[in-house]
Amino acid sequence: MNTAFVYVGAAVAEIAGCFAFWAWLRLGKTIWWLLPGVLSLVVFAYLLTLVETNAAGRAYAAYGGIYIVASLFWLWGIESVRPDRWDVAGASICLIGAAVILLGPRG
């Protein structure tokens, strides 16, 4: 499976799962929001196991950059808060870091 698709799916699942807890605790939603939230977090964890690498830590480290970018899209699309230039600059730096981790030569 394509690593980029796995990472994007994992990011959406993790953010949605965490947002369910946020909605329950901070937005006053019912406790029933936790059920799809927990299921979403299980999907997130499963998807990260599909990354083509022999080290879990490397998969998680590279995923961090994708998660940050996805979080900013969530901020903009779901929460209607437009990321500022500092958000975009920080996310760009993180994506470069993720690419170095994923694509760096291993020997």
C-alpha atoms as a PDB file:
ATOM      1  CA  MET A   1       0.000   0.000   0.000  1.00  0.00           C
ATOM      2  CA  ASN A   2       1.274   3.493  -0.807  1.00  0.00           C
ATOM      3  CA  THR A   3       2.887   5.044   2.266  1.00  0.00           C
ATOM      4  CA  ALA A   4       1.480   8.503   1.530  1.00  0.00           C
ATOM      5  CA  PHE A   5      -2.093   7.175   1.477  1.00  0.00           C
ATOM      6  CA  VAL A   6      -1.506   5.236   4.697  1.00  0.00           C
ATOM      7  CA  TYR A   7      -0.153   8.327   6.427  1.00  0.00           C
ATOM      8  CA  VAL A   8      -3.008  10.545   5.245  1.00  0.00           C
ATOM      9  CA  GLY A   9      -5.590   7.957   6.321  1.00  0.00           C
ATOM     10  CA  ALA A  10      -3.880   7.562   9.681  1.00  0.00           C
ATOM     11  CA  ALA A  11      -3.806  11.324  10.186  1.00  0.00           C
ATOM     12  CA  VAL A  12      -7.506  11.706   9.436  1.00  0.00           C
ATOM     13  CA  ALA A  13      -8.342   8.809  11.744  1.00  0.00           C
ATOM     14  CA  GLU A  14      -6.174  10.131  14.577  1.00  0.00           C
ATOM     15  CA  ILE A  15      -7.421  13.706  14.325  1.00  0.00           C
ATOM     16  CA  ALA A  16     -11.054  12.599  14.121  1.00  0.00           C
ATOM     17  CA  GLY A  17     -10.608  10.300  17.103  1.00  0.00           C
ATOM     18  CA  CYS A  18      -8.928  12.958  19.194  1.00  0.00           C
ATOM     19  CA  PHE A  19     -11.501  15.538  18.119  1.00  0.00           C
ATOM     20  CA  ALA A  20     -14.256  13.261  19.430  1.00  0.00           C
ATOM     21  CA  PHE A  21     -12.673  13.498  22.886  1.00  0.00           C
ATOM     22  CA  TRP A  22     -12.226  17.253  22.452  1.00  0.00           C
ATOM     23  CA  ALA A  23     -15.899  17.591  21.488  1.00  0.00           C
ATOM     24  CA  TRP A  24     -16.992  15.607  24.530  1.00  0.00           C
ATOM     25  CA  LEU A  25     -14.751  17.366  27.049  1.00  0.00           C
ATOM     26  CA  ARG A  26     -14.523  20.890  25.621  1.00  0.00           C
ATOM     27  CA  LEU A  27     -17.612  21.365  23.470  1.00  0.00           C
ATOM     28  CA  GLY A  28     -20.174  19.664  25.703  1.00  0.00           C
ATOM     29  CA  LYS A  29     -21.064  16.856  23.291  1.00  0.00           C
ATOM     30  CA  THR A  30     -22.520  13.643  24.696  1.00  0.00           C
ATOM     31  CA  ILE A  31     -20.319  10.785  25.850  1.00  0.00           C
ATOM     32  CA  TRP A  32     -21.501   8.838  22.795  1.00  0.00           C
ATOM     33  CA  TRP A  33     -19.001  10.842  20.759  1.00  0.00           C
ATOM     34  CA  LEU A  34     -16.336   8.650  22.342  1.00  0.00           C
ATOM     35  CA  LEU A  35     -17.488   5.467  20.604  1.00  0.00           C
ATOM     36  CA  PRO A  36     -16.616   6.568  17.056  1.00  0.00           C
ATOM     37  CA  GLY A  37     -13.606   8.377  18.508  1.00  0.00           C
ATOM     38  CA  VAL A  38     -12.151   5.203  19.989  1.00  0.00           C
ATOM     39  CA  LEU A  39     -12.897   3.251  16.808  1.00  0.00           C
ATOM     40  CA  SER A  40     -11.175   5.941  14.791  1.00  0.00           C
ATOM     41  CA  LEU A  41      -8.092   5.735  17.016  1.00  0.00           C
ATOM     42  CA  VAL A  42      -7.988   1.946  16.525  1.00  0.00           C
ATOM     43  CA  VAL A  43      -8.050   2.481  12.744  1.00  0.00           C
ATOM     44  CA  PHE A  44      -5.240   5.024  13.128  1.00  0.00           C
ATOM     45  CA  ALA A  45      -3.045   2.565  15.028  1.00  0.00           C
ATOM     46  CA  TYR A  46      -3.753  -0.205  12.519  1.00  0.00           C
ATOM     47  CA  LEU A  47      -2.920   1.990   9.531  1.00  0.00           C
ATOM     48  CA  LEU A  48       0.490   2.892  10.910  1.00  0.00           C
ATOM     49  CA  THR A  49       1.378  -0.810  10.967  1.00  0.00           C
ATOM     50  CA  LEU A  50       1.003  -0.830   7.159  1.00  0.00           C
ATOM     51  CA  VAL A  51       3.902   1.577   6.576  1.00  0.00           C
ATOM     52  CA  GLU A  52       6.734  -0.054   4.644  1.00  0.00           C
ATOM     53  CA  THR A  53       9.560   0.187   7.162  1.00  0.00           C
ATOM     54  CA  ASN A  54      11.325  -2.213   9.480  1.00  0.00           C
ATOM     55  CA  ALA A  55      11.275   0.194  12.453  1.00  0.00           C
ATOM     56  CA  ALA A  56       8.128   1.416  14.167  1.00  0.00           C
ATOM     57  CA  GLY A  57       9.884   4.493  15.526  1.00  0.00           C
ATOM     58  CA  ARG A  58      10.871   5.578  12.031  1.00  0.00           C
ATOM     59  CA  ALA A  59       7.309   5.151  10.798  1.00  0.00           C
ATOM     60  CA  TYR A  60       6.001   7.223  13.706  1.00  0.00           C
ATOM     61  CA  ALA A  61       8.652   9.925  13.316  1.00  0.00           C
ATOM     62  CA  ALA A  62       7.955  10.428   9.624  1.00  0.00           C
ATOM     63  CA  TYR A  63       4.216  10.335  10.292  1.00  0.00           C
ATOM     64  CA  GLY A  64       4.597  13.337  12.604  1.00  0.00           C
ATOM     65  CA  GLY A  65       5.129  15.693   9.664  1.00  0.00           C
ATOM     66  CA  ILE A  66       2.065  14.392   7.862  1.00  0.00           C
ATOM     67  CA  TYR A  67       0.017  14.699  11.065  1.00  0.00           C
ATOM     68  CA  ILE A  68       0.985  18.342  11.475  1.00  0.00           C
ATOM     69  CA  VAL A  69      -0.065  19.231   7.934  1.00  0.00           C
ATOM     70  CA  ALA A  70      -3.324  17.279   8.297  1.00  0.00           C
ATOM     71  CA  SER A  71      -4.013  19.078  11.586  1.00  0.00           C
ATOM     72  CA  LEU A  72      -3.744  22.421   9.836  1.00  0.00           C
ATOM     73  CA  PHE A  73      -6.173  21.265   7.151  1.00  0.00           C
ATOM     74  CA  TRP A  74      -8.524  20.186   9.957  1.00  0.00           C
ATOM     75  CA  LEU A  75      -8.087  23.598  11.599  1.00  0.00           C
ATOM     76  CA  TRP A  76      -9.034  25.295   8.346  1.00  0.00           C
ATOM     77  CA  GLY A  77     -11.712  22.931   7.009  1.00  0.00           C
ATOM     78  CA  ILE A  78     -13.497  21.783  10.176  1.00  0.00           C
ATOM     79  CA  GLU A  79     -12.820  24.559  12.676  1.00  0.00           C
ATOM     80  CA  SER A  80     -12.916  27.400  10.113  1.00  0.00           C
ATOM     81  CA  VAL A  81      -9.647  28.913  11.355  1.00  0.00           C
ATOM     82  CA  ARG A  82      -7.266  29.747   8.546  1.00  0.00           C
ATOM     83  CA  PRO A  83      -3.642  28.764   9.219  1.00  0.00           C
ATOM     84  CA  ASP A  84      -1.277  31.724   9.254  1.00  0.00           C
ATOM     85  CA  ARG A  85       2.146  31.991   7.636  1.00  0.00           C
ATOM     86  CA  TRP A  86       3.853  30.615  10.744  1.00  0.00           C
ATOM     87  CA  ASP A  87       1.631  27.541  10.688  1.00  0.00           C
ATOM     88  CA  VAL A  88       2.469  26.984   7.022  1.00  0.00           C
ATOM     89  CA  ALA A  89       6.191  27.585   7.568  1.00  0.00           C
ATOM     90  CA  GLY A  90       6.325  25.169  10.503  1.00  0.00           C
ATOM     91  CA  ALA A  91       4.369  22.507   8.624  1.00  0.00           C
ATOM     92  CA  SER A  92       6.713  22.870   5.631  1.00  0.00           C
ATOM     93  CA  ILE A  93       9.744  22.329   7.828  1.00  0.00           C
ATOM     94  CA  CYS A  94       8.097  19.243   9.326  1.00  0.00           C
ATOM     95  CA  LEU A  95       7.325  17.811   5.873  1.00  0.00           C
ATOM     96  CA  ILE A  96      10.943  18.242   4.872  1.00  0.00           C
ATOM     97  CA  GLY A  97      11.953  16.392   8.038  1.00  0.00           C
ATOM     98  CA  ALA A  98       9.488  13.599   7.308  1.00  0.00           C
ATOM     99  CA  ALA A  99      10.864  13.249   3.774  1.00  0.00           C
ATOM    100  CA  VAL A 100      14.437  13.021   5.087  1.00  0.00           C
ATOM    101  CA  ILE A 101      13.406  10.292   7.528  1.00  0.00           C
ATOM    102  CA  LEU A 102      11.431   8.311   4.944  1.00  0.00           C
ATOM    103  CA  LEU A 103      13.666   8.727   1.914  1.00  0.00           C
ATOM    104  CA  GLY A 104      17.135   8.933   3.427  1.00  0.00           C
ATOM    105  CA  PRO A 105      19.527   6.217   2.311  1.00  0.00           C
ATOM    106  CA  ARG A 106      19.894   3.358   4.780  1.00  0.00           C
ATOM    107  CA  GLY A 107      22.942   1.228   4.738  1.00  0.00           C
END
